[in-house]
Protein backbone atom coordinates (compact mmCIF):
# COMPACT_ATOMS: atom_id res chain seq x y z
CA MET A 1 98.81 102.94 114.56
CA VAL A 2 100.22 100.53 113.16
CA ALA A 3 103.41 100.38 110.79
CA LEU A 4 102.41 98.76 107.38
CA PRO A 5 105.92 96.98 106.09
CA ARG A 6 106.72 98.32 102.36
CA VAL A 7 104.96 96.64 99.90
CA GLY A 8 107.22 97.56 96.43
CA ILE A 9 104.11 98.24 94.24
CA CYS A 10 103.48 101.19 92.12
CA TRP A 11 99.99 102.01 93.97
CA THR A 12 97.12 100.72 95.37
CA HIS A 13 93.67 101.73 94.45
CA THR A 14 91.96 100.06 97.54
CA ILE A 15 92.27 98.86 100.87
CA LEU A 16 90.42 97.37 103.07
CA ALA A 17 90.54 96.11 106.49
CA VAL A 18 89.01 92.42 107.53
CA ASP A 19 89.44 89.87 109.54
CA LEU A 20 90.37 86.73 106.86
CA THR A 21 91.89 84.54 109.26
CA GLY A 22 88.53 84.91 112.07
CA ASP A 23 91.53 85.85 114.88
CA GLY A 24 89.44 88.72 115.67
CA ARG A 25 91.83 91.04 114.25
CA PRO A 26 91.82 92.97 110.97
CA ASP A 27 93.66 91.94 107.89
CA ILE A 28 94.66 94.22 105.38
CA VAL A 29 93.78 93.48 101.47
CA THR A 30 95.01 95.72 98.96
CA ALA A 31 93.86 96.06 95.03
CA ASP A 32 97.02 96.39 93.40
CA TYR A 33 98.01 98.24 90.31
CA THR A 34 101.26 97.27 88.92
CA ASP A 35 102.45 100.05 85.83
CA GLY A 36 102.54 97.25 82.95
CA GLY A 37 102.74 93.84 85.23
CA THR A 38 100.24 91.19 86.26
CA PRO A 39 96.84 93.18 87.82
CA SER A 40 97.00 91.50 91.66
CA VAL A 41 95.18 91.63 94.75
CA SER A 42 97.40 92.02 98.23
CA VAL A 43 96.97 90.11 101.50
CA LEU A 44 98.87 90.91 104.93
CA LEU A 45 98.11 89.05 108.06
CA ASN A 46 97.40 91.19 111.14
CA GLN A 47 100.02 89.31 113.89
CA GLY A 48 98.87 91.58 116.44
CA GLY A 49 100.21 94.76 116.05
CA SER A 50 102.29 94.01 113.25
CA PHE A 51 101.89 92.71 109.42
CA ASN A 52 103.40 89.56 108.17
CA GLY A 53 104.78 90.19 104.47
CA ARG A 54 102.91 90.67 101.78
CA THR A 55 101.21 87.32 99.89
CA THR A 56 99.91 88.56 95.90
CA TYR A 57 97.74 87.04 94.28
CA ALA A 58 97.41 87.21 90.29
CA LEU A 59 94.29 88.17 88.83
CA ALA A 60 93.49 87.05 85.02
CA MET A 61 92.33 90.67 83.70
CA ALA A 62 93.46 92.40 80.40
CA SER A 63 94.22 94.70 82.27
CA ASP A 64 98.03 96.09 84.49
CA GLU A 65 95.33 97.63 87.39
CA THR A 66 92.98 96.19 89.88
CA GLU A 67 90.07 98.83 90.82
CA GLY A 68 88.81 97.48 93.75
CA VAL A 69 88.35 94.72 96.26
CA THR A 70 85.66 93.97 98.25
CA ALA A 71 85.07 91.17 101.14
CA GLY A 72 81.55 89.07 102.19
CA ASP A 73 80.27 85.68 102.10
CA PHE A 74 79.49 85.25 97.99
CA ASP A 75 78.96 81.61 98.28
CA LEU A 76 77.27 81.45 101.81
CA ASP A 77 79.97 79.01 103.21
CA GLY A 78 81.01 81.28 106.16
CA ASP A 79 84.10 82.17 105.26
CA VAL A 80 85.08 85.61 103.95
CA ASP A 81 85.47 85.62 100.20
CA LEU A 82 87.26 88.64 98.27
CA ALA A 83 85.97 90.06 94.62
CA ALA A 84 88.26 91.86 92.68
CA TRP A 85 87.63 94.63 89.76
CA ARG A 86 89.14 96.53 87.28
CA GLU A 87 86.85 99.85 85.12
CA ALA A 88 86.14 98.53 81.85
CA SER A 89 87.57 100.21 79.01
CA SER A 90 84.25 100.83 77.18
CA CYS A 91 80.46 100.36 77.18
């Protein structure tokens, strides 16, 4: 088990392990809830048994929470891309 650094958010809706840097080690991506703040996705890069400090990416959403995040090569360029979403308030 690897200890993760405390990330200072209210809570995390989704935790995703994916190799973002191509080094063969899974990095961690979280979809964050910030209690009135800006919705965000955080990335913690795997340094070979420990993780660096959190890098947070603010999202342009009309909500303070990010419901989920997923990874894939969405634009078919060979790099890992991330996509985040939130729950709709109405249909």
